[in-house]
Protein backbone atom coordinates (compact mmCIF):
# COMPACT_ATOMS: atom_id res chain seq x y z
CA MET A 1 0.11 -0.14 -0.08
CA THR A 2 1.41 3.40 -0.66
CA ASP A 3 -0.85 6.25 0.07
CA ASP A 4 -4.39 6.52 1.57
CA ASN A 5 -5.72 5.82 -1.94
CA ALA A 6 -5.18 2.22 -0.89
CA GLN A 7 -3.38 1.42 -4.30
CA VAL A 8 -1.78 -1.71 -4.55
CA SER A 9 1.77 -1.91 -4.83
CA ALA A 10 3.40 -3.09 -8.26
CA GLU A 11 5.38 -5.63 -6.19
CA PHE A 12 2.39 -7.31 -4.60
CA LEU A 13 0.58 -7.53 -7.62
CA PHE A 14 4.13 -9.41 -9.43
CA VAL A 15 4.16 -11.69 -6.49
CA PHE A 16 0.34 -12.75 -6.23
CA GLY A 17 0.50 -13.67 -10.22
CA ILE A 18 3.66 -15.65 -9.61
CA LEU A 19 1.86 -17.33 -6.92
CA ILE A 20 -1.34 -17.89 -9.24
CA ILE A 21 1.18 -19.32 -11.73
CA VAL A 22 2.72 -22.08 -9.22
CA VAL A 23 -0.69 -23.16 -7.57
CA MET A 24 -2.08 -23.95 -10.94
CA ILE A 25 1.31 -25.51 -12.35
CA ALA A 26 0.85 -27.73 -9.24
CA ILE A 27 -2.62 -28.50 -9.96
CA VAL A 28 -1.68 -30.32 -13.17
CA PHE A 29 1.04 -32.00 -11.42
CA ALA A 30 -1.40 -33.14 -8.89
CA ALA A 31 -4.25 -33.96 -11.29
CA GLY A 32 -1.43 -36.77 -13.20
CA GLU A 33 -0.27 -38.17 -9.80
CA HIS A 34 -3.90 -38.54 -8.58
CA GLU A 35 -4.73 -40.65 -11.68
CA LEU A 36 -1.92 -42.82 -11.29
CA ASN A 37 -2.36 -43.51 -7.37
CA LEU A 38 -5.71 -44.42 -8.15
CA ALA A 39 -4.77 -46.53 -10.68
CA MET A 40 -1.93 -48.10 -8.86
CA SER A 41 -4.62 -48.94 -5.97
CA ALA A 42 -7.31 -49.78 -8.17
CA ALA A 43 -4.17 -52.58 -9.83
CA ARG A 44 -3.58 -54.20 -5.87
CA ASN A 45 -7.16 -54.47 -5.52
CA GLY A 46 -8.01 -56.04 -8.66
CA ALA A 47 -5.23 -58.25 -8.22
CA VAL A 48 -5.90 -59.47 -4.80
CA GLU A 49 -9.47 -60.06 -5.98
CA GLY A 50 -7.95 -62.15 -9.11
CA LEU A 51 -5.76 -64.06 -6.21
CA SER A 52 -8.77 -64.64 -3.88
CA THR A 53 -11.17 -66.00 -6.97
CA SER A 54 -8.23 -68.59 -8.69
CA SER A 55 -7.35 -69.84 -5.34
CA CYS A 56 -10.09 -70.68 -4.24
CA ALA A 57 -11.16 -72.20 -7.35
CA ILE A 58 -14.04 -69.37 -8.32
CA TYR A 59 -14.18 -69.99 -12.05
CA PRO A 60 -16.53 -69.04 -15.33
CA ILE A 61 -18.32 -72.26 -16.47
CA SER A 62 -16.45 -73.06 -19.34
CA THR A 63 -13.23 -72.31 -17.52
CA PHE A 64 -13.84 -74.40 -15.05
CA LYS A 65 -15.18 -77.62 -17.88
CA GLU A 66 -11.26 -76.41 -19.53
CA TYR A 67 -9.67 -76.85 -16.14
CA GLU A 68 -10.93 -80.02 -15.08
CA THR A 69 -9.58 -81.98 -18.01
CA ALA A 70 -6.60 -80.25 -18.84
CA LYS A 71 -5.66 -77.79 -14.97
CA SER A 72 -6.81 -80.76 -12.18
CA ASN A 73 -4.44 -78.48 -10.35
CA LEU A 74 -6.33 -75.35 -10.29
CA LEU A 75 -9.38 -76.92 -8.77
CA ILE A 76 -8.42 -77.24 -5.59
CA PRO A 77 -8.02 -74.22 -2.91
CA TYR A 78 -4.03 -73.35 -3.07
CA SER A 79 -1.65 -71.23 -2.02
CA VAL A 80 -0.28 -68.07 -4.26
CA GLU A 81 1.12 -65.19 -2.29
CA ILE A 82 1.29 -61.31 -4.48
CA ILE A 83 4.88 -59.97 -3.78
CA ASN A 84 4.74 -56.45 -5.41
CA VAL A 85 2.06 -54.39 -8.22
CA SER A 86 4.39 -52.53 -10.14
CA TYR A 87 3.79 -50.23 -13.32
CA SER A 88 6.35 -48.81 -15.42
CA ASP A 89 5.47 -45.79 -17.65
CA LEU A 90 6.66 -46.97 -21.43
CA GLY A 91 6.07 -43.65 -22.62
CA TYR A 92 3.25 -41.92 -25.73
CA ASP A 93 0.99 -43.88 -27.30
CA ALA A 94 0.27 -42.26 -30.83
CA ASN A 95 -2.44 -45.07 -31.60
CA TYR A 96 -4.86 -43.94 -28.05
CA ASP A 97 -2.76 -40.23 -28.44
CA LYS A 98 -2.43 -41.38 -24.41
CA LYS A 99 0.38 -42.07 -22.16
CA ARG A 100 0.86 -45.99 -21.68
CA ILE A 101 1.28 -47.96 -18.73
CA GLN A 102 2.07 -51.19 -18.00
CA PHE A 103 1.63 -53.26 -14.93
CA LYS A 104 3.59 -55.80 -13.60
CA VAL A 105 2.49 -58.11 -10.72
CA TYR A 106 5.51 -60.32 -8.64
CA ALA A 107 3.66 -63.45 -7.06
CA LYS A 108 5.21 -66.38 -5.64
CA THR A 109 4.29 -69.99 -4.20
CA SER A 110 5.20 -72.63 -2.67
CA ASP A 111 2.38 -75.14 -4.56
CA ARG A 112 4.05 -77.30 -7.76
CA PHE A 113 2.61 -75.79 -10.68
CA SER A 114 3.54 -76.52 -14.27
CA ASN A 115 4.00 -73.80 -16.52
CA ASP A 116 0.84 -73.85 -17.99
CA GLU A 117 -0.88 -73.38 -14.48
CA LEU A 118 1.09 -70.85 -13.67
CA VAL A 119 0.23 -68.80 -16.78
CA SER A 120 -3.52 -69.68 -16.15
CA ILE A 121 -3.46 -68.57 -12.64
CA GLY A 122 -1.24 -65.10 -13.54
CA ASP A 123 -3.96 -64.81 -16.32
CA ARG A 124 -6.54 -64.67 -14.14
CA ILE A 125 -4.76 -62.19 -11.53
CA ASN A 126 -3.62 -59.31 -14.73
CA TYR A 127 -7.68 -60.16 -15.93
CA ASN A 128 -9.44 -58.67 -12.45
CA LEU A 129 -6.31 -56.06 -12.28
CA ARG A 130 -7.44 -54.86 -15.57
CA LYS A 131 -10.97 -55.43 -15.11
CA SER A 132 -10.09 -53.10 -11.14
CA ILE A 133 -9.14 -49.87 -13.15
CA ALA A 134 -11.92 -49.85 -15.78
CA ILE A 135 -14.65 -49.88 -13.12
CA SER A 136 -12.53 -47.34 -11.05
CA PHE A 137 -12.51 -45.18 -13.86
CA ASN A 138 -15.24 -45.79 -15.21
CA SER A 139 -14.57 -47.11 -18.57
CA THR A 140 -15.46 -50.49 -19.21
CA GLN A 141 -17.84 -50.03 -22.39
CA ALA A 142 -14.63 -48.11 -23.25
CA THR A 143 -12.70 -51.40 -23.63
CA ASN A 144 -12.93 -54.84 -24.59
CA LYS A 145 -14.14 -58.26 -22.55
CA LEU A 146 -10.76 -58.95 -21.15
CA TYR A 147 -10.53 -55.15 -20.23
CA ASN A 148 -7.28 -55.18 -22.73
CA PRO A 149 -6.30 -52.21 -22.73
CA VAL A 150 -7.98 -50.41 -20.10
CA PHE A 151 -8.60 -46.09 -20.37
CA SER A 152 -8.44 -43.61 -18.32
CA PRO A 153 -8.47 -39.74 -19.21
CA HIS A 154 -4.75 -39.67 -19.75
CA TYR A 155 -3.44 -42.85 -19.35
CA VAL A 156 -4.04 -46.16 -21.35
CA TYR A 157 -3.07 -49.39 -18.91
CA THR A 158 -1.92 -52.73 -20.32
CA THR A 159 -0.38 -55.36 -17.90
CA ALA A 160 2.71 -57.47 -18.08
CA ASN A 161 2.71 -61.46 -17.49
CA VAL A 162 2.61 -61.66 -13.87
CA ARG A 163 6.37 -62.49 -12.92
CA TRP A 164 7.12 -65.66 -10.74
CA VAL A 165 9.93 -65.53 -8.08
């Protein structure tokens, strides 16, 4: 304030203008991070859900019939533990005009399964992971029945094969 006329100094206007610009940049950054945090949370929940339904041998009827003949070990309850769920930024995808994020689940089991059986367990985990992300972003109509890929406002999500450690 310079005098009794209540005029605002130039320095105050300059500082206030810079503050507005910094806040706007922070909001843009925080919005992108919020979207990734929501996706990561949904991915973890989906992976756990996929693991629970799979380890309890809860399958759709067509999958049950396939497992009944070829993968009978998967029809009895088993123990699998998810070690980690992480994601990698694969850069910009020109096909979808969005950044591409790939999730990877690390899991372990003490049971003896064939490679084919481990792939089936991993597929169930990844399916539920992608489905959970699609539900979180209300994008189930924008994807296919396997929820691959899944979309959010700024990203497209895929999954890598489950890594067994």
